[in-house]
C-alpha atoms as a PDB file:
ATOM      1  CA  MET A   1     -44.291 -13.734   5.562  1.00  0.00           C
ATOM      2  CA  ASP A   2     -45.218 -15.805   2.552  1.00  0.00           C
ATOM      3  CA  ASN A   3     -48.342 -14.437   0.837  1.00  0.00           C
ATOM      4  CA  CYS A   4     -48.570 -17.280  -1.641  1.00  0.00           C
ATOM      5  CA  PRO A   5     -51.401 -19.727  -0.964  1.00  0.00           C
ATOM      6  CA  ARG A   6     -50.135 -23.173  -0.077  1.00  0.00           C
ATOM      7  CA  ARG A   7     -51.514 -26.003  -2.158  1.00  0.00           C
ATOM      8  CA  HIS A   8     -52.246 -29.356  -0.646  1.00  0.00           C
ATOM      9  CA  ARG A   9     -50.026 -32.081  -2.099  1.00  0.00           C
ATOM     10  CA  ALA A  10     -51.320 -35.592  -1.846  1.00  0.00           C
ATOM     11  CA  VAL A  11     -48.805 -38.259  -0.964  1.00  0.00           C
ATOM     12  CA  SER A  12     -47.518 -40.228  -3.967  1.00  0.00           C
ATOM     13  CA  PRO A  13     -45.125 -42.875  -2.634  1.00  0.00           C
ATOM     14  CA  ARG A  14     -45.195 -45.071  -5.763  1.00  0.00           C
ATOM     15  CA  LEU A  15     -44.549 -42.119  -8.044  1.00  0.00           C
ATOM     16  CA  ASP A  16     -41.793 -40.902  -5.723  1.00  0.00           C
ATOM     17  CA  SER A  17     -40.128 -44.326  -5.607  1.00  0.00           C
ATOM     18  CA  LEU A  18     -39.966 -44.987  -9.343  1.00  0.00           C
ATOM     19  CA  HIS A  19     -36.270 -44.135  -9.543  1.00  0.00           C
ATOM     20  CA  ALA A  20     -35.464 -46.756  -6.896  1.00  0.00           C
ATOM     21  CA  ASP A  21     -37.882 -49.523  -7.846  1.00  0.00           C
ATOM     22  CA  GLY A  22     -38.769 -49.231 -11.495  1.00  0.00           C
ATOM     23  CA  PRO A  23     -36.119 -49.479 -14.180  1.00  0.00           C
ATOM     24  CA  PRO A  24     -36.778 -47.471 -17.358  1.00  0.00           C
ATOM     25  CA  GLY A  25     -38.966 -49.290 -19.843  1.00  0.00           C
ATOM     26  CA  THR A  26     -40.896 -51.108 -17.108  1.00  0.00           C
ATOM     27  CA  ALA A  27     -44.504 -50.125 -16.470  1.00  0.00           C
ATOM     28  CA  THR A  28     -45.503 -49.166 -12.929  1.00  0.00           C
ATOM     29  CA  HIS A  29     -49.204 -49.212 -12.100  1.00  0.00           C
ATOM     30  CA  ILE A  30     -50.630 -46.656  -9.696  1.00  0.00           C
ATOM     31  CA  CYS A  31     -54.176 -46.836  -8.357  1.00  0.00           C
ATOM     32  CA  LEU A  32     -55.664 -43.554  -7.218  1.00  0.00           C
ATOM     33  CA  ALA A  33     -57.756 -42.811  -4.146  1.00  0.00           C
ATOM     34  CA  ASP A  34     -60.905 -42.518  -6.286  1.00  0.00           C
ATOM     35  CA  GLY A  35     -60.442 -46.000  -7.832  1.00  0.00           C
ATOM     36  CA  ASN A  36     -58.967 -44.924 -11.184  1.00  0.00           C
ATOM     37  CA  CYS A  37     -55.597 -46.290 -12.287  1.00  0.00           C
ATOM     38  CA  LEU A  38     -52.724 -45.342 -14.552  1.00  0.00           C
ATOM     39  CA  ALA A  39     -49.585 -47.057 -15.810  1.00  0.00           C
ATOM     40  CA  LEU A  40     -46.277 -45.215 -16.213  1.00  0.00           C
ATOM     41  CA  VAL A  41     -43.204 -46.068 -18.277  1.00  0.00           C
ATOM     42  CA  PRO A  42     -40.193 -43.880 -17.377  1.00  0.00           C
ATOM     43  CA  ARG A  43     -37.971 -42.635 -20.188  1.00  0.00           C
ATOM     44  CA  PRO A  44     -34.679 -44.558 -20.434  1.00  0.00           C
ATOM     45  CA  GLY A  45     -31.483 -42.648 -19.731  1.00  0.00           C
ATOM     46  CA  GLN A  46     -32.715 -40.489 -16.858  1.00  0.00           C
ATOM     47  CA  GLY A  47     -30.208 -42.059 -14.476  1.00  0.00           C
ATOM     48  CA  ALA A  48     -30.758 -42.781 -10.807  1.00  0.00           C
ATOM     49  CA  THR A  49     -32.913 -39.722 -10.213  1.00  0.00           C
ATOM     50  CA  ALA A  50     -36.677 -39.574 -10.210  1.00  0.00           C
ATOM     51  CA  PRO A  51     -38.027 -39.431 -13.776  1.00  0.00           C
ATOM     52  CA  THR A  52     -38.754 -35.992 -15.187  1.00  0.00           C
ATOM     53  CA  VAL A  53     -40.582 -37.324 -18.259  1.00  0.00           C
ATOM     54  CA  PHE A  54     -42.550 -40.496 -18.835  1.00  0.00           C
ATOM     55  CA  ASP A  55     -42.345 -42.117 -22.279  1.00  0.00           C
ATOM     56  CA  GLU A  56     -45.843 -43.531 -21.790  1.00  0.00           C
ATOM     57  CA  VAL A  57     -48.721 -42.838 -19.446  1.00  0.00           C
ATOM     58  CA  CYS A  58     -51.742 -45.086 -19.935  1.00  0.00           C
ATOM     59  CA  LEU A  59     -54.951 -43.848 -18.295  1.00  0.00           C
ATOM     60  CA  SER A  60     -57.607 -46.398 -17.404  1.00  0.00           C
ATOM     61  CA  PRO A  61     -61.098 -46.055 -18.892  1.00  0.00           C
ATOM     62  CA  GLY A  62     -62.897 -43.182 -17.207  1.00  0.00           C
ATOM     63  CA  LEU A  63     -59.718 -41.349 -16.191  1.00  0.00           C
ATOM     64  CA  LYS A  64     -59.372 -38.238 -18.329  1.00  0.00           C
ATOM     65  CA  ALA A  65     -56.198 -36.261 -18.885  1.00  0.00           C
ATOM     66  CA  PRO A  66     -56.296 -32.523 -18.249  1.00  0.00           C
ATOM     67  CA  ALA A  67     -56.664 -30.418 -21.379  1.00  0.00           C
ATOM     68  CA  THR A  68     -53.103 -29.093 -21.247  1.00  0.00           C
ATOM     69  CA  SER A  69     -50.143 -29.304 -23.610  1.00  0.00           C
ATOM     70  CA  ALA A  70     -48.441 -31.775 -21.234  1.00  0.00           C
ATOM     71  CA  TRP A  71     -51.017 -34.404 -22.197  1.00  0.00           C
ATOM     72  CA  ALA A  72     -51.407 -33.445 -25.870  1.00  0.00           C
ATOM     73  CA  GLU A  73     -49.427 -36.277 -27.451  1.00  0.00           C
ATOM     74  CA  THR A  74     -51.716 -39.303 -27.634  1.00  0.00           C
ATOM     75  CA  ASP A  75     -51.234 -42.626 -29.383  1.00  0.00           C
ATOM     76  CA  ALA A  76     -54.474 -44.536 -29.983  1.00  0.00           C
ATOM     77  CA  TYR A  77     -52.817 -46.759 -32.594  1.00  0.00           C
ATOM     78  CA  GLY A  78     -49.961 -47.693 -30.243  1.00  0.00           C
ATOM     79  CA  LEU A  79     -52.425 -48.416 -27.448  1.00  0.00           C
ATOM     80  CA  PHE A  80     -54.392 -50.774 -29.679  1.00  0.00           C
ATOM     81  CA  LEU A  81     -51.222 -52.543 -30.854  1.00  0.00           C
ATOM     82  CA  GLU A  82     -49.750 -52.909 -27.364  1.00  0.00           C
ATOM     83  CA  CYS A  83     -52.810 -53.993 -25.408  1.00  0.00           C
ATOM     84  CA  GLY A  84     -55.763 -54.237 -27.755  1.00  0.00           C
ATOM     85  CA  ALA A  85     -57.517 -51.598 -25.678  1.00  0.00           C
ATOM     86  CA  THR A  86     -59.556 -48.839 -27.198  1.00  0.00           C
ATOM     87  CA  ASP A  87     -61.292 -47.477 -24.097  1.00  0.00           C
ATOM     88  CA  ALA A  88     -58.092 -46.426 -22.270  1.00  0.00           C
ATOM     89  CA  THR A  89     -55.857 -43.563 -23.433  1.00  0.00           C
ATOM     90  CA  LEU A  90     -52.115 -43.629 -24.042  1.00  0.00           C
ATOM     91  CA  HIS A  91     -50.142 -40.397 -23.749  1.00  0.00           C
ATOM     92  CA  ARG A  92     -46.504 -40.006 -24.713  1.00  0.00           C
ATOM     93  CA  ASN A  93     -43.769 -37.717 -23.345  1.00  0.00           C
ATOM     94  CA  VAL A  94     -45.668 -36.569 -20.253  1.00  0.00           C
ATOM     95  CA  PRO A  95     -43.746 -34.460 -17.700  1.00  0.00           C
ATOM     96  CA  ALA A  96     -43.585 -36.020 -14.217  1.00  0.00           C
ATOM     97  CA  GLU A  97     -45.085 -32.889 -12.635  1.00  0.00           C
ATOM     98  CA  ALA A  98     -48.158 -33.221 -14.880  1.00  0.00           C
ATOM     99  CA  VAL A  99     -48.572 -36.819 -13.676  1.00  0.00           C
ATOM    100  CA  ARG A 100     -48.196 -35.663 -10.052  1.00  0.00           C
ATOM    101  CA  GLU A 101     -50.878 -32.988 -10.582  1.00  0.00           C
ATOM    102  CA  LEU A 102     -53.266 -35.586 -12.047  1.00  0.00           C
ATOM    103  CA  ILE A 103     -52.662 -37.892  -9.067  1.00  0.00           C
ATOM    104  CA  ASN A 104     -53.328 -34.997  -6.662  1.00  0.00           C
ATOM    105  CA  GLN A 105     -56.552 -34.071  -8.497  1.00  0.00           C
ATOM    106  CA  HIS A 106     -57.846 -37.580  -7.809  1.00  0.00           C
ATOM    107  CA  GLY A 107     -57.043 -37.571  -4.095  1.00  0.00           C
ATOM    108  CA  GLY A 108     -53.542 -39.019  -4.270  1.00  0.00           C
ATOM    109  CA  GLU A 109     -52.560 -42.640  -4.498  1.00  0.00           C
ATOM    110  CA  HIS A 110     -54.813 -45.313  -3.033  1.00  0.00           C
ATOM    111  CA  ALA A 111     -53.857 -46.213   0.544  1.00  0.00           C
ATOM    112  CA  GLU A 112     -53.342 -49.838  -0.530  1.00  0.00           C
ATOM    113  CA  PRO A 113     -50.704 -49.906  -3.299  1.00  0.00           C
ATOM    114  CA  ASP A 114     -52.052 -53.109  -4.864  1.00  0.00           C
ATOM    115  CA  HIS A 115     -55.697 -52.007  -4.787  1.00  0.00           C
ATOM    116  CA  PRO A 116     -57.478 -53.413  -7.850  1.00  0.00           C
ATOM    117  CA  PRO A 117     -58.777 -50.939 -10.453  1.00  0.00           C
ATOM    118  CA  ALA A 118     -62.405 -49.864 -10.234  1.00  0.00           C
ATOM    119  CA  GLY A 119     -64.776 -52.274 -11.927  1.00  0.00           C
ATOM    120  CA  THR A 120     -62.675 -55.390 -11.367  1.00  0.00           C
END
C-alpha cells in the first residue's frame, strides 16, 4: 500500500503539447483557470520531447512567481526591451516542472484555450 499522499494534478494540455505544436523560440500563451496568463518560450535544442527548461517565462501583471530558486533569474531590462512592459515579470531558465506547479496552483489551464487574459 502506498502511504504517500496523492497530490491533485490539474490538466495542462497546452503545456503538455508544446513539443508537438510549439517550435523552440516561439512563445506559447497559456491562460489559467483563475484568469491569469503566462507566456512560455522553450529552450532550443531540446528535440522532439516536451521541454524540460523554458528560456523565458513571462508572467502577466498580478501573477506572482513562487519564491523558489526555480524562478530566481529575472530580467526586467529584457522585458522592457522586448515588450515595453514594466508591470509583468520575465523569468529566465525556468524548469518545466516549476511551470507545471504554478499552473496547478492557479487551478490548471483555463477550459477555453483562447480565453482572453483578465482585464481585457
